[in-house]
N, C-alpha and C. Protein backbone atom coordinates (compact mmCIF):
# COMPACT_ATOMS: atom_id res chain seq x y z
N MET A 1 -107.25 94.10 34.30
CA MET A 1 -107.35 92.89 35.44
C MET A 1 -108.58 92.67 34.95
N LYS A 2 -109.64 93.28 34.33
CA LYS A 2 -111.16 92.74 34.14
C LYS A 2 -110.04 91.22 32.99
N THR A 3 -109.42 91.68 32.46
CA THR A 3 -108.90 90.59 30.86
C THR A 3 -108.34 89.66 31.84
N LEU A 4 -108.00 89.98 32.27
CA LEU A 4 -106.86 88.31 33.00
C LEU A 4 -108.11 87.54 33.50
N ASN A 5 -108.95 87.88 34.11
CA ASN A 5 -110.14 87.45 35.12
C ASN A 5 -111.35 87.07 34.02
N LEU A 6 -111.62 87.31 33.04
CA LEU A 6 -111.68 86.86 31.95
C LEU A 6 -111.13 85.19 31.09
N LEU A 7 -109.90 85.33 31.41
CA LEU A 7 -108.88 83.99 30.79
C LEU A 7 -109.46 83.15 31.55
N ALA A 8 -109.04 83.60 33.01
CA ALA A 8 -108.64 82.36 33.48
C ALA A 8 -109.92 81.28 33.47
N PRO A 9 -111.02 81.47 33.81
CA PRO A 9 -111.88 80.46 33.31
C PRO A 9 -111.25 79.85 31.51
N ILE A 10 -111.12 80.47 30.61
CA ILE A 10 -111.01 79.66 29.64
C ILE A 10 -109.80 79.03 29.80
N SER A 11 -108.60 79.26 30.88
CA SER A 11 -107.41 78.42 31.01
C SER A 11 -107.96 76.78 31.42
N GLN A 12 -109.09 77.28 32.56
CA GLN A 12 -109.29 75.68 33.25
C GLN A 12 -110.42 75.15 31.63
N LEU A 13 -110.97 74.91 31.02
CA LEU A 13 -110.92 74.48 29.57
C LEU A 13 -110.19 73.65 29.25
N PHE A 14 -108.73 73.56 29.35
CA PHE A 14 -107.29 73.20 28.42
C PHE A 14 -107.50 71.88 29.56
N LYS A 15 -107.32 72.69 30.66
CA LYS A 15 -106.55 71.78 31.72
C LYS A 15 -107.68 69.71 31.31
N PRO A 16 -108.74 69.87 31.20
CA PRO A 16 -108.74 68.47 31.11
C PRO A 16 -108.92 67.86 29.36
N LEU A 17 -108.21 68.70 29.07
CA LEU A 17 -107.94 68.07 27.05
C LEU A 17 -105.87 67.55 28.16
N GLN A 18 -105.69 68.24 28.66
CA GLN A 18 -104.26 67.61 28.63
C GLN A 18 -104.33 66.53 29.22
N ARG A 19 -105.02 66.41 30.33
CA ARG A 19 -105.57 65.12 31.39
C ARG A 19 -105.94 63.57 30.28
N GLN A 20 -106.43 64.12 29.15
CA GLN A 20 -106.65 63.40 28.47
C GLN A 20 -105.97 62.77 27.57
N SER A 21 -104.86 64.03 26.90
CA SER A 21 -103.91 63.43 25.91
C SER A 21 -103.05 62.64 26.65
N SER A 22 -102.46 62.81 28.09
CA SER A 22 -101.95 61.37 29.03
C SER A 22 -102.34 59.94 28.84
N SER A 23 -103.68 60.40 29.52
CA SER A 23 -104.18 59.43 29.24
C SER A 23 -104.72 58.03 28.31
N ARG A 24 -104.70 58.99 26.83
CA ARG A 24 -104.41 58.54 25.67
C ARG A 24 -102.79 57.80 25.49
N VAL A 25 -101.94 58.68 25.94
CA VAL A 25 -100.64 58.51 25.68
C VAL A 25 -100.56 57.41 26.14
N ASN A 26 -100.29 56.91 27.10
CA ASN A 26 -100.83 55.54 28.46
C ASN A 26 -101.28 54.32 27.89
N ALA A 27 -102.49 54.81 27.15
CA ALA A 27 -102.84 53.46 26.37
C ALA A 27 -102.25 52.88 25.27
N LEU A 28 -102.12 54.43 24.43
CA LEU A 28 -100.87 53.92 23.35
C LEU A 28 -100.08 52.91 23.77
N LEU A 29 -99.21 53.43 24.91
CA LEU A 29 -98.03 52.47 25.12
C LEU A 29 -98.77 51.10 25.77
N ILE A 30 -99.61 51.23 25.98
CA ILE A 30 -99.64 49.68 26.85
C ILE A 30 -100.58 48.65 26.12
N ASN A 31 -100.96 49.22 24.99
CA ASN A 31 -101.47 48.43 24.35
C ASN A 31 -100.53 47.89 23.19
N VAL A 32 -98.81 47.88 23.44
CA VAL A 32 -98.14 48.05 22.49
C VAL A 32 -97.26 46.70 23.74
N PRO A 33 -97.19 45.32 22.78
CA PRO A 33 -96.63 44.57 24.22
C PRO A 33 -95.30 44.54 24.25
N ARG A 34 -95.35 44.11 25.22
CA ARG A 34 -93.33 44.77 25.33
C ARG A 34 -92.31 43.58 25.17
N VAL A 35 -92.38 42.46 25.11
CA VAL A 35 -91.96 41.20 24.28
C VAL A 35 -92.37 40.71 23.74
N GLN A 36 -91.49 40.70 21.64
CA GLN A 36 -92.05 39.56 21.19
C GLN A 36 -90.51 39.24 20.44
N LEU A 37 -91.20 37.31 21.04
CA LEU A 37 -89.84 36.48 20.23
C LEU A 37 -89.69 35.25 19.73
N SER A 38 -89.41 34.48 18.98
CA SER A 38 -89.39 33.43 18.07
C SER A 38 -88.55 32.51 19.07
N LYS A 39 -89.09 31.01 18.59
CA LYS A 39 -88.12 30.41 19.85
C LYS A 39 -86.70 30.23 18.21
N GLY A 40 -86.19 29.40 19.46
CA GLY A 40 -84.58 29.22 18.89
C GLY A 40 -83.70 30.40 18.81
N LYS A 41 -82.87 30.66 18.22
CA LYS A 41 -81.97 31.90 17.95
C LYS A 41 -82.17 32.89 17.43
N ASN A 42 -82.49 34.44 18.49
CA ASN A 42 -83.20 34.96 18.04
C ASN A 42 -82.01 36.39 17.29
N LYS A 43 -81.88 37.41 16.49
CA LYS A 43 -81.34 38.55 16.75
C LYS A 43 -82.70 39.74 17.35
N TYR A 44 -81.99 40.10 18.32
CA TYR A 44 -83.09 40.86 19.34
C TYR A 44 -82.76 42.52 19.04
N LEU A 45 -83.79 43.39 19.02
CA LEU A 45 -83.37 44.70 19.85
C LEU A 45 -84.07 45.15 20.41
N LEU A 46 -83.47 45.55 21.97
CA LEU A 46 -84.43 46.87 23.20
C LEU A 46 -84.64 48.20 22.76
N MET A 47 -85.51 48.74 21.91
CA MET A 47 -86.42 49.74 22.11
C MET A 47 -86.80 50.64 22.83
N MET A 48 -87.21 51.67 23.14
CA MET A 48 -87.90 52.84 23.57
C MET A 48 -88.59 52.65 22.78
N ILE A 49 -89.95 53.34 23.19
CA ILE A 49 -91.04 54.09 22.24
C ILE A 49 -91.62 54.60 23.21
N HIS A 50 -92.33 55.89 22.58
CA HIS A 50 -92.69 57.01 23.37
C HIS A 50 -93.50 57.86 22.37
N MET A 51 -94.33 58.72 22.31
CA MET A 51 -94.99 59.92 21.60
C MET A 51 -94.05 61.21 21.61
N HIS A 52 -94.60 61.59 20.44
CA HIS A 52 -93.37 63.22 19.64
C HIS A 52 -93.27 63.78 20.80
N GLY A 53 -93.00 64.09 21.87
CA GLY A 53 -92.93 65.49 22.72
C GLY A 53 -93.15 65.31 23.89
N LEU A 54 -93.65 63.60 24.20
CA LEU A 54 -93.92 63.67 25.64
C LEU A 54 -93.27 62.44 26.06
N THR A 55 -91.70 62.15 26.01
CA THR A 55 -90.81 61.78 26.51
C THR A 55 -90.80 61.02 27.93
N ARG A 56 -91.01 61.40 28.72
CA ARG A 56 -91.44 60.68 29.91
C ARG A 56 -92.72 59.76 30.09
N PHE A 57 -93.07 59.66 29.12
CA PHE A 57 -94.26 58.77 28.82
C PHE A 57 -93.63 57.17 28.18
N GLY A 58 -92.62 57.52 27.91
CA GLY A 58 -92.07 56.11 27.12
C GLY A 58 -92.07 54.43 27.51
N ARG A 59 -91.99 53.91 26.95
CA ARG A 59 -91.73 52.07 27.63
C ARG A 59 -90.80 51.64 26.91
N THR A 60 -90.06 50.28 27.51
CA THR A 60 -89.18 49.40 26.81
C THR A 60 -89.32 48.44 26.46
N ILE A 61 -89.42 48.03 24.92
CA ILE A 61 -89.95 47.11 24.61
C ILE A 61 -88.74 46.30 23.47
N VAL A 62 -88.92 44.89 23.70
CA VAL A 62 -87.66 43.87 23.36
C VAL A 62 -88.96 42.97 21.85
N ARG A 63 -87.82 43.28 21.35
CA ARG A 63 -88.27 43.14 19.68
C ARG A 63 -87.29 41.82 18.97
N GLY A 64 -87.28 40.27 18.89
CA GLY A 64 -86.57 39.38 18.04
C GLY A 64 -86.79 38.71 17.26
N SER A 65 -86.00 38.33 16.34
CA SER A 65 -86.91 37.29 15.25
C SER A 65 -85.35 36.39 14.63
N ALA A 66 -85.97 35.19 14.35
CA ALA A 66 -84.67 34.47 13.31
C ALA A 66 -84.52 34.49 12.66
N SER A 67 -85.80 35.02 11.24
CA SER A 67 -85.11 35.02 10.24
C SER A 67 -85.23 36.02 10.04
N LYS A 68 -84.97 37.43 10.50
CA LYS A 68 -84.46 38.63 10.20
C LYS A 68 -83.39 38.90 10.70
N ASP A 69 -82.58 40.03 10.19
CA ASP A 69 -81.43 40.88 10.45
C ASP A 69 -82.34 42.16 11.36
N HIS A 70 -80.95 43.00 12.11
CA HIS A 70 -81.66 43.86 13.26
C HIS A 70 -82.19 44.68 12.44
N GLU A 71 -81.25 45.33 11.03
CA GLU A 71 -81.76 46.71 10.50
C GLU A 71 -83.56 46.26 9.97
N GLU A 72 -83.73 44.42 9.71
CA GLU A 72 -85.14 44.74 9.36
C GLU A 72 -86.28 44.78 10.24
N ILE A 73 -85.48 44.58 11.73
CA ILE A 73 -86.56 43.91 12.47
C ILE A 73 -86.77 45.77 13.25
N PHE A 74 -85.64 46.52 12.95
CA PHE A 74 -85.80 48.11 12.94
C PHE A 74 -86.47 48.69 12.13
N GLU A 75 -86.61 48.12 11.23
CA GLU A 75 -87.58 49.01 10.07
C GLU A 75 -89.07 48.53 10.38
N GLU A 76 -89.14 47.45 10.33
CA GLU A 76 -90.54 46.66 10.92
C GLU A 76 -91.41 47.66 12.27
N ILE A 77 -90.70 47.56 12.85
CA ILE A 77 -91.02 48.20 13.92
C ILE A 77 -91.57 49.31 13.96
N GLN A 78 -90.58 50.23 13.41
CA GLN A 78 -90.38 51.42 13.15
C GLN A 78 -92.40 51.63 11.90
N LYS A 79 -92.43 50.86 10.80
CA LYS A 79 -93.27 51.23 10.24
C LYS A 79 -94.79 51.21 11.39
N GLU A 80 -94.63 49.80 11.89
CA GLU A 80 -95.84 49.48 13.02
C GLU A 80 -96.14 50.47 13.88
N MET A 81 -95.02 51.25 13.95
CA MET A 81 -95.06 51.74 15.15
C MET A 81 -95.93 53.98 14.56
N ASP A 82 -94.91 53.96 13.79
CA ASP A 82 -95.51 55.21 12.80
C ASP A 82 -96.89 55.37 12.44
N LYS A 83 -97.51 53.70 12.12
CA LYS A 83 -99.33 53.76 11.78
C LYS A 83 -100.00 54.03 12.96
N ILE A 84 -99.73 54.23 14.70
CA ILE A 84 -99.88 54.52 15.96
C ILE A 84 -99.67 55.91 16.11
N GLY A 85 -98.42 56.54 15.49
CA GLY A 85 -98.02 57.71 15.95
C GLY A 85 -97.21 57.76 17.32
N ILE A 86 -96.22 56.70 17.21
CA ILE A 86 -95.30 56.29 18.23
C ILE A 86 -94.11 56.23 17.73
N CYS A 87 -93.33 57.06 18.05
CA CYS A 87 -91.66 57.32 18.09
C CYS A 87 -90.96 55.86 18.37
N ALA A 88 -89.95 55.64 18.13
CA ALA A 88 -89.17 54.08 18.33
C ALA A 88 -87.60 54.84 18.27
N LYS A 89 -86.66 54.51 19.60
CA LYS A 89 -85.69 55.18 19.12
C LYS A 89 -85.23 53.18 19.41
N CYS A 90 -84.00 53.07 19.12
CA CYS A 90 -83.23 51.84 19.30
C CYS A 90 -82.45 52.07 20.28
N LEU A 91 -82.21 51.44 21.23
CA LEU A 91 -80.86 51.36 22.41
C LEU A 91 -80.26 50.39 21.86
N GLY A 92 -80.02 49.43 21.10
CA GLY A 92 -78.79 48.79 21.31
C GLY A 92 -79.61 47.12 20.81
N GLY A 93 -78.57 46.17 20.46
CA GLY A 93 -79.16 45.17 20.30
C GLY A 93 -78.44 43.69 20.72
N GLY A 94 -78.42 42.58 19.36
CA GLY A 94 -77.80 41.55 20.48
C GLY A 94 -78.15 40.13 20.12
N PHE A 95 -78.30 38.89 20.68
CA PHE A 95 -78.83 37.55 20.66
C PHE A 95 -79.62 37.05 21.62
N ILE A 96 -80.50 36.18 21.45
CA ILE A 96 -81.56 35.89 22.17
C ILE A 96 -80.90 34.03 21.67
N SER A 97 -80.71 33.62 22.77
CA SER A 97 -80.68 32.01 22.51
C SER A 97 -82.55 31.63 23.28
N ASN A 98 -83.22 31.72 22.87
CA ASN A 98 -84.99 31.46 23.05
C ASN A 98 -85.01 29.58 23.14
N LYS A 99 -84.59 28.91 24.29
CA LYS A 99 -85.36 27.11 24.21
C LYS A 99 -86.34 27.12 25.09
N GLU A 100 -87.31 27.03 24.67
CA GLU A 100 -88.36 27.10 25.46
C GLU A 100 -88.76 26.08 25.63
N ASP A 101 -88.30 24.52 24.96
CA ASP A 101 -88.90 23.57 25.68
C ASP A 101 -88.29 22.37 27.35
N LYS A 102 -86.64 23.69 26.92
CA LYS A 102 -86.14 23.64 28.57
C LYS A 102 -85.89 25.05 29.43
N LYS A 103 -86.94 25.90 29.08
CA LYS A 103 -87.26 27.00 29.75
C LYS A 103 -86.12 27.75 30.15
N VAL A 104 -84.63 27.78 28.51
CA VAL A 104 -83.43 28.86 29.63
C VAL A 104 -83.74 29.56 28.10
N MET A 105 -83.11 30.81 28.84
CA MET A 105 -82.54 31.78 27.60
C MET A 105 -81.23 32.31 28.14
N LYS A 106 -80.43 32.53 26.47
CA LYS A 106 -79.29 33.22 26.79
C LYS A 106 -79.48 34.70 26.13
N ILE A 107 -78.72 35.40 26.56
CA ILE A 107 -79.21 36.64 26.30
C ILE A 107 -76.91 37.16 25.78
N TYR A 108 -76.28 37.61 24.38
CA TYR A 108 -75.56 37.47 24.63
C TYR A 108 -75.19 38.74 23.22
N GLY A 109 -73.80 39.13 23.14
CA GLY A 109 -73.39 39.55 21.89
C GLY A 109 -73.95 40.89 21.36
N CYS A 110 -73.14 41.79 20.48
CA CYS A 110 -73.89 42.68 19.77
C CYS A 110 -74.51 43.03 18.36
N CYS A 111 -75.26 44.37 18.54
CA CYS A 111 -75.48 44.67 17.05
C CYS A 111 -74.48 45.27 16.14
N LYS A 112 -74.20 44.76 15.30
CA LYS A 112 -72.74 45.67 14.53
C LYS A 112 -73.40 47.40 13.77
N THR A 113 -75.07 47.41 13.84
CA THR A 113 -75.69 48.66 13.62
C THR A 113 -75.75 49.77 14.67
N PHE A 114 -76.71 49.05 15.61
CA PHE A 114 -76.58 49.99 16.55
C PHE A 114 -76.38 49.35 18.85
N GLY A 115 -75.64 49.01 17.82
CA GLY A 115 -74.58 48.84 19.39
C GLY A 115 -75.26 47.33 20.40
N GLU A 116 -74.47 47.23 21.37
CA GLU A 116 -75.07 45.99 22.46
C GLU A 116 -75.91 46.64 23.35
N ALA A 117 -76.25 45.93 23.11
CA ALA A 117 -77.67 46.59 24.67
C ALA A 117 -77.57 46.00 25.62
N PRO A 118 -78.09 46.65 27.09
CA PRO A 118 -77.58 47.01 28.21
C PRO A 118 -78.29 45.36 28.47
N HIS A 119 -78.30 44.09 27.77
CA HIS A 119 -78.43 42.56 27.95
C HIS A 119 -79.02 42.91 29.91
N GLY A 120 -78.88 43.60 30.66
CA GLY A 120 -79.08 43.37 31.75
C GLY A 120 -80.81 43.51 32.33
N ARG A 121 -80.91 44.63 31.38
CA ARG A 121 -82.06 45.31 31.43
C ARG A 121 -83.45 44.97 30.60
N THR A 122 -82.61 43.68 29.60
CA THR A 122 -83.70 42.74 28.49
C THR A 122 -83.91 41.56 29.24
N LYS A 123 -82.99 41.37 30.42
CA LYS A 123 -83.42 40.12 31.02
C LYS A 123 -84.45 40.79 32.37
N ASP A 124 -84.38 42.16 32.69
CA ASP A 124 -85.62 42.77 33.36
C ASP A 124 -86.75 42.42 33.03
N ILE A 125 -87.01 42.80 32.01
CA ILE A 125 -88.24 43.29 30.72
C ILE A 125 -88.96 41.67 30.51
N LEU A 126 -87.66 41.12 30.34
CA LEU A 126 -88.04 39.23 29.56
C LEU A 126 -88.69 38.75 30.98
N LEU A 127 -88.50 38.62 32.93
CA LEU A 127 -88.66 38.52 34.14
C LEU A 127 -89.89 38.33 34.23
N SER A 128 -90.41 40.12 33.66
CA SER A 128 -91.91 40.56 33.74
C SER A 128 -92.32 40.30 33.25
N TRP A 129 -92.13 39.46 32.48
CA TRP A 129 -93.22 39.37 31.49
C TRP A 129 -93.88 37.94 32.03
N THR A 130 -95.10 37.22 32.00
CA THR A 130 -95.90 36.50 32.16
C THR A 130 -94.99 35.13 31.93
N LYS A 131 -95.09 35.17 30.49
CA LYS A 131 -94.68 34.39 29.38
C LYS A 131 -93.47 33.70 30.14
N PHE A 132 -92.71 34.52 30.57
CA PHE A 132 -90.97 34.30 30.88
C PHE A 132 -90.45 34.40 32.18
N GLN A 133 -91.18 34.25 33.23
CA GLN A 133 -90.95 34.41 34.45
C GLN A 133 -90.64 33.23 35.27
N HIS A 134 -90.53 31.93 34.22
CA HIS A 134 -90.00 30.66 35.14
C HIS A 134 -88.95 31.00 34.66
N TYR A 135 -88.48 31.35 33.49
CA TYR A 135 -87.11 30.89 32.67
C TYR A 135 -85.70 30.97 33.31
N ASN A 136 -84.73 30.59 33.52
CA ASN A 136 -83.29 30.93 33.21
C ASN A 136 -82.64 31.28 32.10
N ILE A 137 -82.77 32.71 32.31
CA ILE A 137 -82.27 33.22 31.77
C ILE A 137 -80.83 33.53 32.00
N ILE A 138 -79.76 33.53 31.15
CA ILE A 138 -78.42 33.30 31.09
C ILE A 138 -77.84 34.92 30.20
N LEU A 139 -76.74 35.23 31.55
CA LEU A 139 -75.93 37.02 30.38
C LEU A 139 -74.17 36.23 31.03
N PRO A 140 -74.17 37.23 29.53
CA PRO A 140 -72.62 36.66 29.39
C PRO A 140 -72.21 37.44 31.16
N LYS A 141 -70.44 36.49 31.19
CA LYS A 141 -70.38 36.95 32.53
C LYS A 141 -69.95 38.87 32.79
N LYS A 142 -69.52 39.34 32.15
CA LYS A 142 -68.90 40.70 32.07
C LYS A 142 -70.24 41.50 31.94
N ASN A 143 -71.61 41.19 31.70
CA ASN A 143 -72.72 42.39 31.96
C ASN A 143 -73.15 41.78 33.27
N LEU A 144 -72.92 40.47 34.21
CA LEU A 144 -73.75 40.47 35.33
C LEU A 144 -74.10 41.81 36.22
N ASN A 145 -73.28 42.36 36.85
CA ASN A 145 -73.66 43.48 37.50
C ASN A 145 -73.82 44.86 37.01
N ALA A 146 -73.96 44.35 35.15
CA ALA A 146 -74.25 46.00 34.58
C ALA A 146 -75.07 46.42 34.63
N TYR A 147 -76.24 46.30 34.50
CA TYR A 147 -77.80 47.02 35.20
C TYR A 147 -78.19 46.62 36.56
N GLN A 148 -77.74 46.60 37.59
CA GLN A 148 -77.85 46.57 39.02
C GLN A 148 -77.68 47.78 39.79
């Protein structure tokens, strides 16, 4: 019984370390921009990022490029996330036509390597981003109710 009472204060020492690690995880994830797109026609990926072993602290991001294919985008993101200790999982991909001058985007299509992203979820993320709040974002008719 004396040994259990002796161990109790030791367990209290480790609780602050656990809180710091979750706040550190949140800080790392929040510093990763949710959206990065180019002008014009983008090949894009919808990705989940998280710390290894701490999946409940995940964040979904959108990455696109007019000049790279889906595999190159994925490899680039993986290298970028590995440097800061974050895991990346691809949820799918497609295309985004970004007409910044007209404030119109069209999300469509499918990635041959990673499959089709849930375009409705992508739209929600884009609309939550300050830059794209006033855009008209168009989905294919078959996906209008896919994420509601």
